[in-house]
Amino acid sequence: MKIAIPTAQGKLAMHFGHCEKFTLIDVVDQTITTTEELKAPAHEPGLLPRWLGEKGVSHIIAGGMGQRAQELFTNQNINVIIGAPAEEASELVTRFLAGNLTTGINLCDH
């Protein structure tokens, strides 16, 4: 499993399309094995789902995401978890793996 989290200043960026970086976290047997930070490409509609799909991402944890972006991620076989709080990427993944990641409303309405 590879989980992508849009980050800014070390924490989840609430709008994934305008983040500084993506933190990619590899998980094997419910354990974080590697963490990699990649500079986000320039914002372009439809680019991020393809780009992350090419990197082998299976899940994305985001604060907010528009409906069309969610559909594009689904088309890339990437599971979308939205409404996550602005916390550090490793903490979000740890809570997700433990089954206790609390999510709220989708903070993006487009």
PDB file of N, CA and C in Angstrom:
ATOM      1  N   MET A   1       0.859  -1.172   0.000  1.00  0.00           N
ATOM      2  CA  MET A   1       0.000   0.000   0.000  1.00  0.00           C
ATOM      3  C   MET A   1       0.904   1.233   0.000  1.00  0.00           C
ATOM      4  N   LYS A   2       0.552   2.202  -0.823  1.00  0.00           N
ATOM      5  CA  LYS A   2       1.263   3.477  -0.829  1.00  0.00           C
ATOM      6  C   LYS A   2       0.226   4.572  -0.659  1.00  0.00           C
ATOM      7  N   ILE A   3       0.427   5.385   0.370  1.00  0.00           N
ATOM      8  CA  ILE A   3      -0.524   6.436   0.718  1.00  0.00           C
ATOM      9  C   ILE A   3       0.094   7.792   0.426  1.00  0.00           C
ATOM     10  N   ALA A   4      -0.637   8.638  -0.285  1.00  0.00           N
ATOM     11  CA  ALA A   4      -0.198   9.998  -0.587  1.00  0.00           C
ATOM     12  C   ALA A   4      -0.978  10.975   0.276  1.00  0.00           C
ATOM     13  N   ILE A   5      -0.252  11.954   0.803  1.00  0.00           N
ATOM     14  CA  ILE A   5      -0.880  13.005   1.601  1.00  0.00           C
ATOM     15  C   ILE A   5      -0.350  14.345   1.105  1.00  0.00           C
ATOM     16  N   PRO A   6      -1.248  15.241   0.691  1.00  0.00           N
ATOM     17  CA  PRO A   6      -0.802  16.575   0.283  1.00  0.00           C
ATOM     18  C   PRO A   6      -0.375  17.346   1.530  1.00  0.00           C
ATOM     19  N   THR A   7       0.834  17.898   1.506  1.00  0.00           N
ATOM     20  CA  THR A   7       1.328  18.576   2.704  1.00  0.00           C
ATOM     21  C   THR A   7       1.817  19.985   2.407  1.00  0.00           C
ATOM     22  N   ALA A   8       1.747  20.810   3.442  1.00  0.00           N
ATOM     23  CA  ALA A   8       2.288  22.163   3.445  1.00  0.00           C
ATOM     24  C   ALA A   8       2.779  22.420   4.861  1.00  0.00           C
ATOM     25  N   GLN A   9       3.997  22.871   4.985  1.00  0.00           N
ATOM     26  CA  GLN A   9       4.604  23.141   6.287  1.00  0.00           C
ATOM     27  C   GLN A   9       4.534  21.915   7.202  1.00  0.00           C
ATOM     28  N   GLY A  10       4.719  20.736   6.618  1.00  0.00           N
ATOM     29  CA  GLY A  10       4.799  19.508   7.390  1.00  0.00           C
ATOM     30  C   GLY A  10       3.481  18.873   7.792  1.00  0.00           C
ATOM     31  N   LYS A  11       2.379  19.529   7.471  1.00  0.00           N
ATOM     32  CA  LYS A  11       1.066  18.992   7.843  1.00  0.00           C
ATOM     33  C   LYS A  11       0.168  18.879   6.623  1.00  0.00           C
ATOM     34  N   LEU A  12      -0.921  18.132   6.775  1.00  0.00           N
ATOM     35  CA  LEU A  12      -1.885  17.969   5.693  1.00  0.00           C
ATOM     36  C   LEU A  12      -2.344  19.331   5.195  1.00  0.00           C
ATOM     37  N   ALA A  13      -2.241  19.534   3.888  1.00  0.00           N
ATOM     38  CA  ALA A  13      -2.764  20.745   3.253  1.00  0.00           C
ATOM     39  C   ALA A  13      -4.258  20.521   3.033  1.00  0.00           C
ATOM     40  N   MET A  14      -5.058  21.444   3.436  1.00  0.00           N
ATOM     41  CA  MET A  14      -6.500  21.234   3.408  1.00  0.00           C
ATOM     42  C   MET A  14      -7.080  21.184   1.998  1.00  0.00           C
ATOM     43  N   HIS A  15      -6.391  21.712   1.006  1.00  0.00           N
ATOM     44  CA  HIS A  15      -6.851  21.578  -0.375  1.00  0.00           C
ATOM     45  C   HIS A  15      -5.723  20.947  -1.162  1.00  0.00           C
ATOM     46  N   PHE A  16      -5.906  19.714  -1.567  1.00  0.00           N
ATOM     47  CA  PHE A  16      -4.818  18.938  -2.147  1.00  0.00           C
ATOM     48  C   PHE A  16      -4.237  19.550  -3.404  1.00  0.00           C
ATOM     49  N   GLY A  17      -5.018  20.263  -4.180  1.00  0.00           N
ATOM     50  CA  GLY A  17      -4.541  20.808  -5.444  1.00  0.00           C
ATOM     51  C   GLY A  17      -3.599  21.980  -5.307  1.00  0.00           C
ATOM     52  N   HIS A  18      -3.444  22.498  -4.098  1.00  0.00           N
ATOM     53  CA  HIS A  18      -2.598  23.669  -3.899  1.00  0.00           C
ATOM     54  C   HIS A  18      -1.566  23.421  -2.804  1.00  0.00           C
ATOM     55  N   CYS A  19      -1.085  22.194  -2.710  1.00  0.00           N
ATOM     56  CA  CYS A  19      -0.121  21.860  -1.669  1.00  0.00           C
ATOM     57  C   CYS A  19       1.304  22.117  -2.164  1.00  0.00           C
ATOM     58  N   GLU A  20       2.244  22.204  -1.209  1.00  0.00           N
ATOM     59  CA  GLU A  20       3.661  22.381  -1.532  1.00  0.00           C
ATOM     60  C   GLU A  20       4.283  21.066  -1.981  1.00  0.00           C
ATOM     61  N   LYS A  21       3.924  19.997  -1.271  1.00  0.00           N
ATOM     62  CA  LYS A  21       4.540  18.690  -1.476  1.00  0.00           C
ATOM     63  C   LYS A  21       3.494  17.599  -1.331  1.00  0.00           C
ATOM     64  N   PHE A  22       3.876  16.416  -1.761  1.00  0.00           N
ATOM     65  CA  PHE A  22       3.121  15.215  -1.443  1.00  0.00           C
ATOM     66  C   PHE A  22       4.045  14.321  -0.633  1.00  0.00           C
ATOM     67  N   THR A  23       3.553  13.863   0.493  1.00  0.00           N
ATOM     68  CA  THR A  23       4.291  12.896   1.284  1.00  0.00           C
ATOM     69  C   THR A  23       3.745  11.532   0.898  1.00  0.00           C
ATOM     70  N   LEU A  24       4.632  10.673   0.391  1.00  0.00           N
ATOM     71  CA  LEU A  24       4.251   9.313  -0.006  1.00  0.00           C
ATOM     72  C   LEU A  24       4.770   8.355   1.053  1.00  0.00           C
ATOM     73  N   ILE A  25       3.874   7.551   1.589  1.00  0.00           N
ATOM     74  CA  ILE A  25       4.217   6.631   2.667  1.00  0.00           C
ATOM     75  C   ILE A  25       3.898   5.210   2.233  1.00  0.00           C
ATOM     76  N   ASP A  26       4.930   4.365   2.223  1.00  0.00           N
ATOM     77  CA  ASP A  26       4.765   2.950   1.899  1.00  0.00           C
ATOM     78  C   ASP A  26       4.426   2.188   3.177  1.00  0.00           C
ATOM     79  N   VAL A  27       3.477   1.254   3.042  1.00  0.00           N
ATOM     80  CA  VAL A  27       3.031   0.445   4.172  1.00  0.00           C
ATOM     81  C   VAL A  27       3.106  -1.022   3.770  1.00  0.00           C
ATOM     82  N   VAL A  28       3.767  -1.823   4.603  1.00  0.00           N
ATOM     83  CA  VAL A  28       3.840  -3.264   4.416  1.00  0.00           C
ATOM     84  C   VAL A  28       3.426  -3.919   5.727  1.00  0.00           C
ATOM     85  N   ASP A  29       2.479  -4.835   5.667  1.00  0.00           N
ATOM     86  CA  ASP A  29       1.998  -5.542   6.869  1.00  0.00           C
ATOM     87  C   ASP A  29       1.594  -4.566   7.972  1.00  0.00           C
ATOM     88  N   GLN A  30       0.846  -3.522   7.579  1.00  0.00           N
ATOM     89  CA  GLN A  30       0.319  -2.533   8.518  1.00  0.00           C
ATOM     90  C   GLN A  30       1.413  -1.719   9.220  1.00  0.00           C
ATOM     91  N   THR A  31       2.613  -1.684   8.633  1.00  0.00           N
ATOM     92  CA  THR A  31       3.728  -0.934   9.211  1.00  0.00           C
ATOM     93  C   THR A  31       4.284   0.034   8.173  1.00  0.00           C
ATOM     94  N   ILE A  32       4.532   1.272   8.586  1.00  0.00           N
ATOM     95  CA  ILE A  32       5.158   2.254   7.703  1.00  0.00           C
ATOM     96  C   ILE A  32       6.598   1.817   7.458  1.00  0.00           C
ATOM     97  N   THR A  33       6.965   1.669   6.174  1.00  0.00           N
ATOM     98  CA  THR A  33       8.319   1.227   5.847  1.00  0.00           C
ATOM     99  C   THR A  33       9.175   2.353   5.284  1.00  0.00           C
ATOM    100  N   THR A  34       8.614   3.204   4.438  1.00  0.00           N
ATOM    101  CA  THR A  34       9.375   4.331   3.894  1.00  0.00           C
ATOM    102  C   THR A  34       8.474   5.552   3.752  1.00  0.00           C
ATOM    103  N   THR A  35       9.114   6.701   3.838  1.00  0.00           N
ATOM    104  CA  THR A  35       8.422   7.977   3.651  1.00  0.00           C
ATOM    105  C   THR A  35       9.252   8.810   2.687  1.00  0.00           C
ATOM    106  N   GLU A  36       8.571   9.409   1.725  1.00  0.00           N
ATOM    107  CA  GLU A  36       9.254  10.210   0.710  1.00  0.00           C
ATOM    108  C   GLU A  36       8.436  11.477   0.485  1.00  0.00           C
ATOM    109  N   GLU A  37       9.117  12.607   0.398  1.00  0.00           N
ATOM    110  CA  GLU A  37       8.446  13.864   0.083  1.00  0.00           C
ATOM    111  C   GLU A  37       8.814  14.271  -1.337  1.00  0.00           C
ATOM    112  N   LEU A  38       7.784  14.581  -2.123  1.00  0.00           N
ATOM    113  CA  LEU A  38       7.992  15.019  -3.497  1.00  0.00           C
ATOM    114  C   LEU A  38       7.362  16.393  -3.687  1.00  0.00           C
ATOM    115  N   LYS A  39       8.077  17.258  -4.381  1.00  0.00           N
ATOM    116  CA  LYS A  39       7.516  18.560  -4.713  1.00  0.00           C
ATOM    117  C   LYS A  39       6.315  18.346  -5.622  1.00  0.00           C
ATOM    118  N   ALA A  40       5.233  19.008  -5.306  1.00  0.00           N
ATOM    119  CA  ALA A  40       4.014  18.875  -6.106  1.00  0.00           C
ATOM    120  C   ALA A  40       4.222  19.513  -7.478  1.00  0.00           C
ATOM    121  N   PRO A  41       3.714  18.873  -8.521  1.00  0.00           N
ATOM    122  CA  PRO A  41       3.796  19.495  -9.848  1.00  0.00           C
ATOM    123  C   PRO A  41       2.874  20.721  -9.902  1.00  0.00           C
ATOM    124  N   ALA A  42       3.072  21.526 -10.904  1.00  0.00           N
ATOM    125  CA  ALA A  42       2.210  22.697 -11.088  1.00  0.00           C
ATOM    126  C   ALA A  42       0.753  22.251 -11.167  1.00  0.00           C
ATOM    127  N   HIS A  43      -0.132  23.058 -10.596  1.00  0.00           N
ATOM    128  CA  HIS A  43      -1.555  22.704 -10.583  1.00  0.00           C
ATOM    129  C   HIS A  43      -2.106  22.751 -12.003  1.00  0.00           C
ATOM    130  N   GLU A  44      -2.640  21.624 -12.417  1.00  0.00           N
ATOM    131  CA  GLU A  44      -3.238  21.495 -13.746  1.00  0.00           C
ATOM    132  C   GLU A  44      -4.379  20.487 -13.606  1.00  0.00           C
ATOM    133  N   PRO A  45      -5.594  20.830 -14.016  1.00  0.00           N
ATOM    134  CA  PRO A  45      -6.717  19.905 -13.857  1.00  0.00           C
ATOM    135  C   PRO A  45      -6.410  18.522 -14.427  1.00  0.00           C
ATOM    136  N   GLY A  46      -6.633  17.501 -13.613  1.00  0.00           N
ATOM    137  CA  GLY A  46      -6.468  16.118 -14.036  1.00  0.00           C
ATOM    138  C   GLY A  46      -5.059  15.572 -13.937  1.00  0.00           C
ATOM    139  N   LEU A  47      -4.062  16.410 -13.660  1.00  0.00           N
ATOM    140  CA  LEU A  47      -2.673  15.955 -13.622  1.00  0.00           C
ATOM    141  C   LEU A  47      -2.363  15.110 -12.385  1.00  0.00           C
ATOM    142  N   LEU A  48      -2.791  15.541 -11.211  1.00  0.00           N
ATOM    143  CA  LEU A  48      -2.399  14.862  -9.972  1.00  0.00           C
ATOM    144  C   LEU A  48      -2.832  13.396  -9.902  1.00  0.00           C
ATOM    145  N   PRO A  49      -4.046  13.042 -10.295  1.00  0.00           N
ATOM    146  CA  PRO A  49      -4.396  11.618 -10.258  1.00  0.00           C
ATOM    147  C   PRO A  49      -3.484  10.760 -11.131  1.00  0.00           C
ATOM    148  N   ARG A  50      -3.158  11.229 -12.326  1.00  0.00           N
ATOM    149  CA  ARG A  50      -2.243  10.482 -13.205  1.00  0.00           C
ATOM    150  C   ARG A  50      -0.849  10.401 -12.602  1.00  0.00           C
ATOM    151  N   TRP A  51      -0.343  11.519 -12.136  1.00  0.00           N
ATOM    152  CA  TRP A  51       1.004  11.610 -11.570  1.00  0.00           C
ATOM    153  C   TRP A  51       1.146  10.684 -10.367  1.00  0.00           C
ATOM    154  N   LEU A  52       0.182  10.730  -9.457  1.00  0.00           N
ATOM    155  CA  LEU A  52       0.244   9.864  -8.280  1.00  0.00           C
ATOM    156  C   LEU A  52       0.025   8.396  -8.656  1.00  0.00           C
ATOM    157  N   GLY A  53      -0.837   8.146  -9.644  1.00  0.00           N
ATOM    158  CA  GLY A  53      -1.037   6.780 -10.120  1.00  0.00           C
ATOM    159  C   GLY A  53       0.252   6.191 -10.675  1.00  0.00           C
ATOM    160  N   GLU A  54       1.008   6.999 -11.404  1.00  0.00           N
ATOM    161  CA  GLU A  54       2.288   6.548 -11.953  1.00  0.00           C
ATOM    162  C   GLU A  54       3.303   6.246 -10.858  1.00  0.00           C
ATOM    163  N   LYS A  55       3.126   6.841  -9.696  1.00  0.00           N
ATOM    164  CA  LYS A  55       4.029   6.619  -8.565  1.00  0.00           C
ATOM    165  C   LYS A  55       3.598   5.412  -7.730  1.00  0.00           C
ATOM    166  N   GLY A  56       2.502   4.749  -8.136  1.00  0.00           N
ATOM    167  CA  GLY A  56       2.054   3.553  -7.428  1.00  0.00           C
ATOM    168  C   GLY A  56       1.185   3.810  -6.224  1.00  0.00           C
ATOM    169  N   VAL A  57       0.620   4.997  -6.117  1.00  0.00           N
ATOM    170  CA  VAL A  57      -0.222   5.343  -4.967  1.00  0.00           C
ATOM    171  C   VAL A  57      -1.526   4.545  -5.013  1.00  0.00           C
ATOM    172  N   SER A  58      -1.913   4.000  -3.867  1.00  0.00           N
ATOM    173  CA  SER A  58      -3.161   3.242  -3.770  1.00  0.00           C
ATOM    174  C   SER A  58      -4.230   3.986  -2.974  1.00  0.00           C
ATOM    175  N   HIS A  59      -3.816   4.952  -2.135  1.00  0.00           N
ATOM    176  CA  HIS A  59      -4.739   5.714  -1.296  1.00  0.00           C
ATOM    177  C   HIS A  59      -4.255   7.163  -1.240  1.00  0.00           C
ATOM    178  N   ILE A  60      -5.205   8.073  -1.103  1.00  0.00           N
ATOM    179  CA  ILE A  60      -4.862   9.462  -0.817  1.00  0.00           C
ATOM    180  C   ILE A  60      -5.721   9.905   0.364  1.00  0.00           C
ATOM    181  N   ILE A  61      -5.077  10.557   1.316  1.00  0.00           N
ATOM    182  CA  ILE A  61      -5.783  11.128   2.460  1.00  0.00           C
ATOM    183  C   ILE A  61      -5.737  12.632   2.262  1.00  0.00           C
ATOM    184  N   ALA A  62      -6.901  13.276   2.236  1.00  0.00           N
ATOM    185  CA  ALA A  62      -6.986  14.708   1.967  1.00  0.00           C
ATOM    186  C   ALA A  62      -7.975  15.372   2.908  1.00  0.00           C
ATOM    187  N   GLY A  63      -7.845  16.682   3.012  1.00  0.00           N
ATOM    188  CA  GLY A  63      -8.800  17.459   3.795  1.00  0.00           C
ATOM    189  C   GLY A  63     -10.028  17.765   2.953  1.00  0.00           C
ATOM    190  N   GLY A  64      -9.795  18.227   1.755  1.00  0.00           N
ATOM    191  CA  GLY A  64     -10.893  18.549   0.857  1.00  0.00           C
ATOM    192  C   GLY A  64     -10.522  18.254  -0.582  1.00  0.00           C
ATOM    193  N   MET A  65     -11.545  17.910  -1.360  1.00  0.00           N
ATOM    194  CA  MET A  65     -11.312  17.567  -2.761  1.00  0.00           C
ATOM    195  C   MET A  65     -12.632  17.683  -3.513  1.00  0.00           C
ATOM    196  N   GLY A  66     -12.572  18.286  -4.686  1.00  0.00           N
ATOM    197  CA  GLY A  66     -13.764  18.403  -5.512  1.00  0.00           C
ATOM    198  C   GLY A  66     -14.233  17.053  -6.042  1.00  0.00           C
ATOM    199  N   GLN A  67     -15.489  16.980  -6.403  1.00  0.00           N
ATOM    200  CA  GLN A  67     -16.082  15.732  -6.875  1.00  0.00           C
ATOM    201  C   GLN A  67     -15.397  15.201  -8.133  1.00  0.00           C
ATOM    202  N   ARG A  68     -15.071  16.068  -9.056  1.00  0.00           N
ATOM    203  CA  ARG A  68     -14.410  15.625 -10.292  1.00  0.00           C
ATOM    204  C   ARG A  68     -13.040  15.009  -9.991  1.00  0.00           C
ATOM    205  N   ALA A  69     -12.285  15.639  -9.091  1.00  0.00           N
ATOM    206  CA  ALA A  69     -10.976  15.083  -8.709  1.00  0.00           C
ATOM    207  C   ALA A  69     -11.148  13.710  -8.068  1.00  0.00           C
ATOM    208  N   GLN A  70     -12.156  13.552  -7.235  1.00  0.00           N
ATOM    209  CA  GLN A  70     -12.411  12.248  -6.618  1.00  0.00           C
ATOM    210  C   GLN A  70     -12.659  11.189  -7.691  1.00  0.00           C
ATOM    211  N   GLU A  71     -13.422  11.552  -8.707  1.00  0.00           N
ATOM    212  CA  GLU A  71     -13.705  10.618  -9.796  1.00  0.00           C
ATOM    213  C   GLU A  71     -12.434  10.255 -10.561  1.00  0.00           C
ATOM    214  N   LEU A  72     -11.566  11.247 -10.788  1.00  0.00           N
ATOM    215  CA  LEU A  72     -10.319  10.988 -11.506  1.00  0.00           C
ATOM    216  C   LEU A  72      -9.406  10.059 -10.707  1.00  0.00           C
ATOM    217  N   PHE A  73      -9.370  10.224  -9.391  1.00  0.00           N
ATOM    218  CA  PHE A  73      -8.581   9.321  -8.547  1.00  0.00           C
ATOM    219  C   PHE A  73      -9.161   7.911  -8.596  1.00  0.00           C
ATOM    220  N   THR A  74     -10.467   7.802  -8.538  1.00  0.00           N
ATOM    221  CA  THR A  74     -11.115   6.487  -8.610  1.00  0.00           C
ATOM    222  C   THR A  74     -10.773   5.811  -9.935  1.00  0.00           C
ATOM    223  N   ASN A  75     -10.740   6.582 -11.023  1.00  0.00           N
ATOM    224  CA  ASN A  75     -10.388   6.031 -12.334  1.00  0.00           C
ATOM    225  C   ASN A  75      -8.945   5.523 -12.375  1.00  0.00           C
ATOM    226  N   GLN A  76      -8.102   6.034 -11.478  1.00  0.00           N
ATOM    227  CA  GLN A  76      -6.709   5.588 -11.388  1.00  0.00           C
ATOM    228  C   GLN A  76      -6.551   4.463 -10.343  1.00  0.00           C
ATOM    229  N   ASN A  77      -7.693   3.951  -9.843  1.00  0.00           N
ATOM    230  CA  ASN A  77      -7.690   2.922  -8.794  1.00  0.00           C
ATOM    231  C   ASN A  77      -7.028   3.400  -7.511  1.00  0.00           C
ATOM    232  N   ILE A  78      -7.229   4.676  -7.184  1.00  0.00           N
ATOM    233  CA  ILE A  78      -6.719   5.261  -5.952  1.00  0.00           C
ATOM    234  C   ILE A  78      -7.912   5.535  -5.045  1.00  0.00           C
ATOM    235  N   ASN A  79      -7.890   4.942  -3.848  1.00  0.00           N
ATOM    236  CA  ASN A  79      -8.949   5.145  -2.860  1.00  0.00           C
ATOM    237  C   ASN A  79      -8.781   6.517  -2.227  1.00  0.00           C
ATOM    238  N   VAL A  80      -9.879   7.251  -2.094  1.00  0.00           N
ATOM    239  CA  VAL A  80      -9.857   8.614  -1.573  1.00  0.00           C
ATOM    240  C   VAL A  80     -10.485   8.656  -0.188  1.00  0.00           C
ATOM    241  N   ILE A  81      -9.751   9.207   0.760  1.00  0.00           N
ATOM    242  CA  ILE A  81     -10.266   9.457   2.112  1.00  0.00           C
ATOM    243  C   ILE A  81     -10.241  10.969   2.281  1.00  0.00           C
ATOM    244  N   ILE A  82     -11.400  11.583   2.473  1.00  0.00           N
ATOM    245  CA  ILE A  82     -11.463  13.040   2.596  1.00  0.00           C
ATOM    246  C   ILE A  82     -11.994  13.440   3.964  1.00  0.00           C
ATOM    247  N   GLY A  83     -11.738  14.700   4.308  1.00  0.00           N
ATOM    248  CA  GLY A  83     -12.197  15.240   5.584  1.00  0.00           C
ATOM    249  C   GLY A  83     -11.218  15.007   6.718  1.00  0.00           C
ATOM    250  N   ALA A  84      -9.960  14.673   6.383  1.00  0.00           N
ATOM    251  CA  ALA A  84      -8.946  14.432   7.417  1.00  0.00           C
ATOM    252  C   ALA A  84      -8.497  15.757   8.028  1.00  0.00           C
ATOM    253  N   PRO A  85      -8.043  15.727   9.279  1.00  0.00           N
ATOM    254  CA  PRO A  85      -7.576  16.947   9.944  1.00  0.00           C
ATOM    255  C   PRO A  85      -6.162  17.329   9.511  1.00  0.00           C
ATOM    256  N   ALA A  86      -5.790  18.574   9.741  1.00  0.00           N
ATOM    257  CA  ALA A  86      -4.466  19.090   9.374  1.00  0.00           C
ATOM    258  C   ALA A  86      -3.437  18.641  10.404  1.00  0.00           C
ATOM    259  N   GLU A  87      -2.968  17.408  10.255  1.00  0.00           N
ATOM    260  CA  GLU A  87      -1.963  16.837  11.148  1.00  0.00           C
ATOM    261  C   GLU A  87      -0.793  16.340  10.315  1.00  0.00           C
ATOM    262  N   GLU A  88       0.272  15.900  10.983  1.00  0.00           N
ATOM    263  CA  GLU A  88       1.435  15.373  10.288  1.00  0.00           C
ATOM    264  C   GLU A  88       1.063  14.096   9.534  1.00  0.00           C
ATOM    265  N   ALA A  89       1.689  13.902   8.375  1.00  0.00           N
ATOM    266  CA  ALA A  89       1.366  12.777   7.499  1.00  0.00           C
ATOM    267  C   ALA A  89       1.512  11.432   8.201  1.00  0.00           C
ATOM    268  N   SER A  90       2.608  11.218   8.912  1.00  0.00           N
ATOM    269  CA  SER A  90       2.821   9.918   9.563  1.00  0.00           C
ATOM    270  C   SER A  90       1.763   9.639  10.623  1.00  0.00           C
ATOM    271  N   GLU A  91       1.317  10.674  11.310  1.00  0.00           N
ATOM    272  CA  GLU A  91       0.264  10.498  12.312  1.00  0.00           C
ATOM    273  C   GLU A  91      -1.053  10.114  11.640  1.00  0.00           C
ATOM    274  N   LEU A  92      -1.381  10.748  10.527  1.00  0.00           N
ATOM    275  CA  LEU A  92      -2.601  10.408   9.798  1.00  0.00           C
ATOM    276  C   LEU A  92      -2.584   8.962   9.327  1.00  0.00           C
ATOM    277  N   VAL A  93      -1.443   8.526   8.790  1.00  0.00           N
ATOM    278  CA  VAL A  93      -1.340   7.148   8.302  1.00  0.00           C
ATOM    279  C   VAL A  93      -1.413   6.162   9.460  1.00  0.00           C
ATOM    280  N   THR A  94      -0.745   6.462  10.546  1.00  0.00           N
ATOM    281  CA  THR A  94      -0.793   5.585  11.724  1.00  0.00           C
ATOM    282  C   THR A  94      -2.229   5.419  12.206  1.00  0.00           C
ATOM    283  N   ARG A  95      -2.958   6.511  12.266  1.00  0.00           N
ATOM    284  CA  ARG A  95      -4.359   6.446  12.709  1.00  0.00           C
ATOM    285  C   ARG A  95      -5.224   5.712  11.682  1.00  0.00           C
ATOM    286  N   PHE A  96      -4.963   5.930  10.392  1.00  0.00           N
ATOM    287  CA  PHE A  96      -5.699   5.235   9.344  1.00  0.00           C
ATOM    288  C   PHE A  96      -5.492   3.727   9.463  1.00  0.00           C
ATOM    289  N   LEU A  97      -4.250   3.317   9.623  1.00  0.00           N
ATOM    290  CA  LEU A  97      -3.942   1.886   9.725  1.00  0.00           C
ATOM    291  C   LEU A  97      -4.571   1.247  10.963  1.00  0.00           C
ATOM    292  N   ALA A  98      -4.680   2.020  12.028  1.00  0.00           N
ATOM    293  CA  ALA A  98      -5.279   1.519  13.263  1.00  0.00           C
ATOM    294  C   ALA A  98      -6.802   1.528  13.210  1.00  0.00           C
ATOM    295  N   GLY A  99      -7.352   2.128  12.150  1.00  0.00           N
ATOM    296  CA  GLY A  99      -8.804   2.193  12.013  1.00  0.00           C
ATOM    297  C   GLY A  99      -9.451   3.289  12.832  1.00  0.00           C
ATOM    298  N   ASN A 100      -8.646   4.269  13.279  1.00  0.00           N
ATOM    299  CA  ASN A 100      -9.240   5.335  14.081  1.00  0.00           C
ATOM    300  C   ASN A 100      -8.930   6.740  13.547  1.00  0.00           C
ATOM    301  N   LEU A 101      -8.830   6.847  12.223  1.00  0.00           N
ATOM    302  CA  LEU A 101      -8.693   8.167  11.615  1.00  0.00           C
ATOM    303  C   LEU A 101     -10.080   8.791  11.541  1.00  0.00           C
ATOM    304  N   THR A 102     -10.246   9.861  12.271  1.00  0.00           N
ATOM    305  CA  THR A 102     -11.527  10.556  12.286  1.00  0.00           C
ATOM    306  C   THR A 102     -11.550  11.566  11.146  1.00  0.00           C
ATOM    307  N   THR A 103     -12.572  11.445  10.295  1.00  0.00           N
ATOM    308  CA  THR A 103     -12.712  12.393   9.202  1.00  0.00           C
ATOM    309  C   THR A 103     -13.987  13.201   9.395  1.00  0.00           C
ATOM    310  N   GLY A 104     -13.964  14.403   8.838  1.00  0.00           N
ATOM    311  CA  GLY A 104     -15.111  15.283   8.936  1.00  0.00           C
ATOM    312  C   GLY A 104     -15.676  15.565   7.550  1.00  0.00           C
ATOM    313  N   ILE A 105     -16.135  16.768   7.379  1.00  0.00           N
ATOM    314  CA  ILE A 105     -16.740  17.150   6.110  1.00  0.00           C
ATOM    315  C   ILE A 105     -15.665  17.412   5.057  1.00  0.00           C
ATOM    316  N   ASN A 106     -16.045  17.287   3.806  1.00  0.00           N
ATOM    317  CA  ASN A 106     -15.189  17.622   2.688  1.00  0.00           C
ATOM    318  C   ASN A 106     -15.089  19.148   2.653  1.00  0.00           C
ATOM    319  N   LEU A 107     -13.890  19.666   2.804  1.00  0.00           N
ATOM    320  CA  LEU A 107     -13.710  21.101   2.879  1.00  0.00           C
ATOM    321  C   LEU A 107     -13.586  21.791   1.528  1.00  0.00           C
ATOM    322  N   CYS A 108     -13.871  21.061   0.471  1.00  0.00           N
ATOM    323  CA  CYS A 108     -13.796  21.611  -0.884  1.00  0.00           C
ATOM    324  C   CYS A 108     -15.167  21.428  -1.543  1.00  0.00           C
ATOM    325  N   ASP A 109     -15.674  22.497  -2.140  1.00  0.00           N
ATOM    326  CA  ASP A 109     -17.030  22.413  -2.693  1.00  0.00           C
ATOM    327  C   ASP A 109     -17.065  22.520  -4.220  1.00  0.00           C
ATOM    328  N   HIS A 110     -15.941  22.238  -4.886  1.00  0.00           N
ATOM    329  CA  HIS A 110     -15.969  22.297  -6.360  1.00  0.00           C
ATOM    330  C   HIS A 110     -15.459  21.019  -6.956  1.00  0.00           C
TER     331      HIS A 110
END
